[in-house]
Amino acid sequence: MDNSSAHSRQDEASLTSRRRRGWKTIQLPEELLNRVDDIVERPELGYTSRSEFIKEAVRLRVEALESQLREKERKR
């Protein structure tokens, strides 16, 4: 087996492993990512990585939208 085949199999195995863990890759505009980096670089805000910040931001937004939907459904 040549070297490129070995790398290709390793890449495929790594991708399969990530899929099993439930992780996905997303793309963000560079300007938005720069704003996230500015926040993460400030230790007093308590974030240690982009990933940590983005996961929390998305979770909070999803929870807020779900709460709004529940409220609308209760009023019906």
N, C-alpha and C. Protein backbone atom coordinates (compact mmCIF):
# COMPACT_ATOMS: atom_id res chain seq x y z
N MET A 1 0.85 -1.17 0.00
CA MET A 1 0.00 0.00 0.00
C MET A 1 0.90 1.23 0.00
N ASP A 2 0.62 2.18 -0.92
CA ASP A 2 1.45 3.37 -0.96
C ASP A 2 1.03 4.35 0.13
N ASN A 3 1.84 5.36 0.32
CA ASN A 3 1.65 6.32 1.41
C ASN A 3 0.33 7.09 1.27
N SER A 4 -0.06 7.45 0.04
CA SER A 4 -1.29 8.22 -0.14
C SER A 4 -2.51 7.39 0.22
N SER A 5 -2.47 6.09 -0.05
CA SER A 5 -3.59 5.22 0.33
C SER A 5 -3.71 5.12 1.84
N ALA A 6 -2.59 5.04 2.51
CA ALA A 6 -2.61 4.96 3.98
C ALA A 6 -3.20 6.24 4.56
N HIS A 7 -2.80 7.40 4.03
CA HIS A 7 -3.34 8.67 4.52
C HIS A 7 -4.83 8.77 4.24
N SER A 8 -5.23 8.32 3.06
CA SER A 8 -6.64 8.37 2.70
C SER A 8 -7.48 7.53 3.66
N ARG A 9 -7.00 6.35 4.00
CA ARG A 9 -7.71 5.50 4.94
C ARG A 9 -7.75 6.10 6.34
N GLN A 10 -6.64 6.73 6.74
CA GLN A 10 -6.62 7.40 8.05
C GLN A 10 -7.61 8.56 8.07
N ASP A 11 -7.64 9.33 6.99
CA ASP A 11 -8.58 10.45 6.91
C ASP A 11 -10.02 9.94 6.97
N GLU A 12 -10.31 8.87 6.25
CA GLU A 12 -11.65 8.30 6.24
C GLU A 12 -12.03 7.78 7.63
N ALA A 13 -11.10 7.14 8.30
CA ALA A 13 -11.35 6.63 9.64
C ALA A 13 -11.60 7.77 10.61
N SER A 14 -10.83 8.85 10.48
CA SER A 14 -11.01 10.00 11.35
C SER A 14 -12.38 10.65 11.12
N LEU A 15 -12.77 10.78 9.87
CA LEU A 15 -14.08 11.35 9.55
C LEU A 15 -15.20 10.48 10.09
N THR A 16 -15.08 9.18 9.93
CA THR A 16 -16.09 8.25 10.44
C THR A 16 -16.18 8.35 11.96
N SER A 17 -15.05 8.45 12.61
CA SER A 17 -15.02 8.57 14.06
C SER A 17 -15.72 9.84 14.52
N ARG A 18 -15.46 10.96 13.84
CA ARG A 18 -16.12 12.22 14.20
C ARG A 18 -17.62 12.13 14.00
N ARG A 19 -18.05 11.49 12.93
CA ARG A 19 -19.48 11.34 12.69
C ARG A 19 -20.14 10.54 13.79
N ARG A 20 -19.49 9.51 14.25
CA ARG A 20 -20.06 8.69 15.32
C ARG A 20 -20.22 9.48 16.60
N ARG A 21 -19.32 10.40 16.85
CA ARG A 21 -19.40 11.20 18.07
C ARG A 21 -20.47 12.28 17.97
N GLY A 22 -21.00 12.50 16.79
CA GLY A 22 -22.04 13.47 16.63
C GLY A 22 -21.56 14.90 16.40
N TRP A 23 -20.32 15.08 16.06
CA TRP A 23 -19.78 16.42 15.80
C TRP A 23 -19.95 16.77 14.34
N LYS A 24 -20.25 18.01 14.07
CA LYS A 24 -20.38 18.52 12.71
C LYS A 24 -19.51 19.75 12.56
N THR A 25 -19.12 20.03 11.34
CA THR A 25 -18.34 21.22 11.02
C THR A 25 -19.27 22.26 10.43
N ILE A 26 -19.09 23.51 10.83
CA ILE A 26 -19.88 24.59 10.26
C ILE A 26 -18.93 25.66 9.74
N GLN A 27 -19.45 26.53 8.89
CA GLN A 27 -18.67 27.65 8.40
C GLN A 27 -19.29 28.93 8.93
N LEU A 28 -18.42 29.85 9.34
CA LEU A 28 -18.86 31.15 9.83
C LEU A 28 -18.13 32.24 9.04
N PRO A 29 -18.78 33.37 8.83
CA PRO A 29 -18.07 34.47 8.19
C PRO A 29 -16.86 34.88 9.03
N GLU A 30 -15.79 35.22 8.36
CA GLU A 30 -14.55 35.56 9.06
C GLU A 30 -14.74 36.70 10.05
N GLU A 31 -15.54 37.70 9.68
CA GLU A 31 -15.78 38.84 10.57
C GLU A 31 -16.43 38.40 11.88
N LEU A 32 -17.39 37.48 11.79
CA LEU A 32 -18.05 36.97 12.99
C LEU A 32 -17.07 36.15 13.83
N LEU A 33 -16.27 35.34 13.17
CA LEU A 33 -15.28 34.53 13.89
C LEU A 33 -14.26 35.42 14.59
N ASN A 34 -13.90 36.52 13.96
CA ASN A 34 -12.97 37.47 14.61
C ASN A 34 -13.60 38.05 15.87
N ARG A 35 -14.89 38.33 15.83
CA ARG A 35 -15.59 38.85 17.02
C ARG A 35 -15.60 37.80 18.13
N VAL A 36 -15.82 36.55 17.75
CA VAL A 36 -15.78 35.46 18.74
C VAL A 36 -14.39 35.38 19.35
N ASP A 37 -13.37 35.43 18.52
CA ASP A 37 -11.99 35.37 19.02
C ASP A 37 -11.70 36.51 20.00
N ASP A 38 -12.21 37.71 19.71
CA ASP A 38 -12.00 38.84 20.62
C ASP A 38 -12.59 38.55 21.99
N ILE A 39 -13.73 37.90 22.02
CA ILE A 39 -14.37 37.55 23.29
C ILE A 39 -13.58 36.47 24.02
N VAL A 40 -13.19 35.44 23.29
CA VAL A 40 -12.47 34.31 23.90
C VAL A 40 -11.12 34.75 24.46
N GLU A 41 -10.51 35.74 23.85
CA GLU A 41 -9.20 36.22 24.30
C GLU A 41 -9.27 36.98 25.64
N ARG A 42 -10.47 37.29 26.10
CA ARG A 42 -10.63 38.03 27.37
C ARG A 42 -10.93 37.03 28.49
N PRO A 43 -9.91 36.69 29.28
CA PRO A 43 -10.08 35.67 30.31
C PRO A 43 -11.20 35.96 31.30
N GLU A 44 -11.46 37.24 31.55
CA GLU A 44 -12.50 37.59 32.53
C GLU A 44 -13.89 37.17 32.06
N LEU A 45 -14.05 36.86 30.77
CA LEU A 45 -15.35 36.43 30.26
C LEU A 45 -15.55 34.92 30.42
N GLY A 46 -14.48 34.20 30.74
CA GLY A 46 -14.61 32.80 31.13
C GLY A 46 -14.61 31.76 30.03
N TYR A 47 -14.30 32.15 28.80
CA TYR A 47 -14.26 31.16 27.71
C TYR A 47 -12.82 30.78 27.43
N THR A 48 -12.62 29.49 27.15
CA THR A 48 -11.26 29.02 26.88
C THR A 48 -11.04 28.64 25.42
N SER A 49 -12.13 28.61 24.63
CA SER A 49 -11.97 28.26 23.22
C SER A 49 -13.15 28.78 22.41
N ARG A 50 -12.93 28.89 21.11
CA ARG A 50 -14.01 29.24 20.18
C ARG A 50 -15.16 28.25 20.32
N SER A 51 -14.79 26.99 20.32
CA SER A 51 -15.78 25.92 20.37
C SER A 51 -16.68 26.05 21.59
N GLU A 52 -16.07 26.30 22.74
CA GLU A 52 -16.84 26.45 23.98
C GLU A 52 -17.83 27.61 23.86
N PHE A 53 -17.36 28.75 23.35
CA PHE A 53 -18.22 29.91 23.20
C PHE A 53 -19.35 29.64 22.22
N ILE A 54 -19.02 29.08 21.07
CA ILE A 54 -20.03 28.86 20.02
C ILE A 54 -21.06 27.84 20.47
N LYS A 55 -20.64 26.78 21.15
CA LYS A 55 -21.61 25.79 21.65
C LYS A 55 -22.58 26.45 22.63
N GLU A 56 -22.06 27.28 23.53
CA GLU A 56 -22.95 27.93 24.49
C GLU A 56 -23.88 28.93 23.80
N ALA A 57 -23.35 29.70 22.85
CA ALA A 57 -24.17 30.68 22.15
C ALA A 57 -25.30 30.01 21.38
N VAL A 58 -25.00 28.93 20.71
CA VAL A 58 -26.04 28.22 19.95
C VAL A 58 -27.05 27.60 20.90
N ARG A 59 -26.58 26.97 21.97
CA ARG A 59 -27.49 26.35 22.95
C ARG A 59 -28.44 27.38 23.54
N LEU A 60 -27.91 28.53 23.93
CA LEU A 60 -28.75 29.58 24.51
C LEU A 60 -29.78 30.09 23.51
N ARG A 61 -29.39 30.25 22.26
CA ARG A 61 -30.33 30.73 21.24
C ARG A 61 -31.42 29.70 20.97
N VAL A 62 -31.04 28.44 20.89
CA VAL A 62 -32.03 27.37 20.67
C VAL A 62 -33.00 27.33 21.84
N GLU A 63 -32.50 27.42 23.06
CA GLU A 63 -33.38 27.41 24.23
C GLU A 63 -34.34 28.60 24.21
N ALA A 64 -33.86 29.77 23.82
CA ALA A 64 -34.71 30.97 23.76
C ALA A 64 -35.82 30.78 22.72
N LEU A 65 -35.48 30.27 21.57
CA LEU A 65 -36.49 30.05 20.52
C LEU A 65 -37.49 28.99 20.93
N GLU A 66 -37.01 27.92 21.55
CA GLU A 66 -37.93 26.88 22.02
C GLU A 66 -38.89 27.43 23.07
N SER A 67 -38.39 28.29 23.93
CA SER A 67 -39.22 28.91 24.95
C SER A 67 -40.29 29.80 24.30
N GLN A 68 -39.91 30.56 23.30
CA GLN A 68 -40.86 31.40 22.58
C GLN A 68 -41.95 30.56 21.93
N LEU A 69 -41.56 29.44 21.33
CA LEU A 69 -42.54 28.56 20.69
C LEU A 69 -43.50 27.97 21.71
N ARG A 70 -42.97 27.54 22.86
CA ARG A 70 -43.84 27.01 23.91
C ARG A 70 -44.84 28.05 24.38
N GLU A 71 -44.37 29.28 24.53
CA GLU A 71 -45.24 30.39 24.97
C GLU A 71 -46.35 30.63 23.96
N LYS A 72 -46.03 30.63 22.69
CA LYS A 72 -47.04 30.84 21.65
C LYS A 72 -48.07 29.72 21.66
N GLU A 73 -47.59 28.49 21.85
CA GLU A 73 -48.50 27.34 21.86
C GLU A 73 -49.44 27.38 23.08
N ARG A 74 -48.95 27.87 24.21
CA ARG A 74 -49.79 27.98 25.41
C ARG A 74 -50.91 29.00 25.22
N LYS A 75 -50.64 30.05 24.44
CA LYS A 75 -51.62 31.11 24.24
C LYS A 75 -52.73 30.71 23.26
N ARG A 76 -52.57 29.62 22.57
CA ARG A 76 -53.58 29.20 21.59
C ARG A 76 -54.78 28.62 22.25
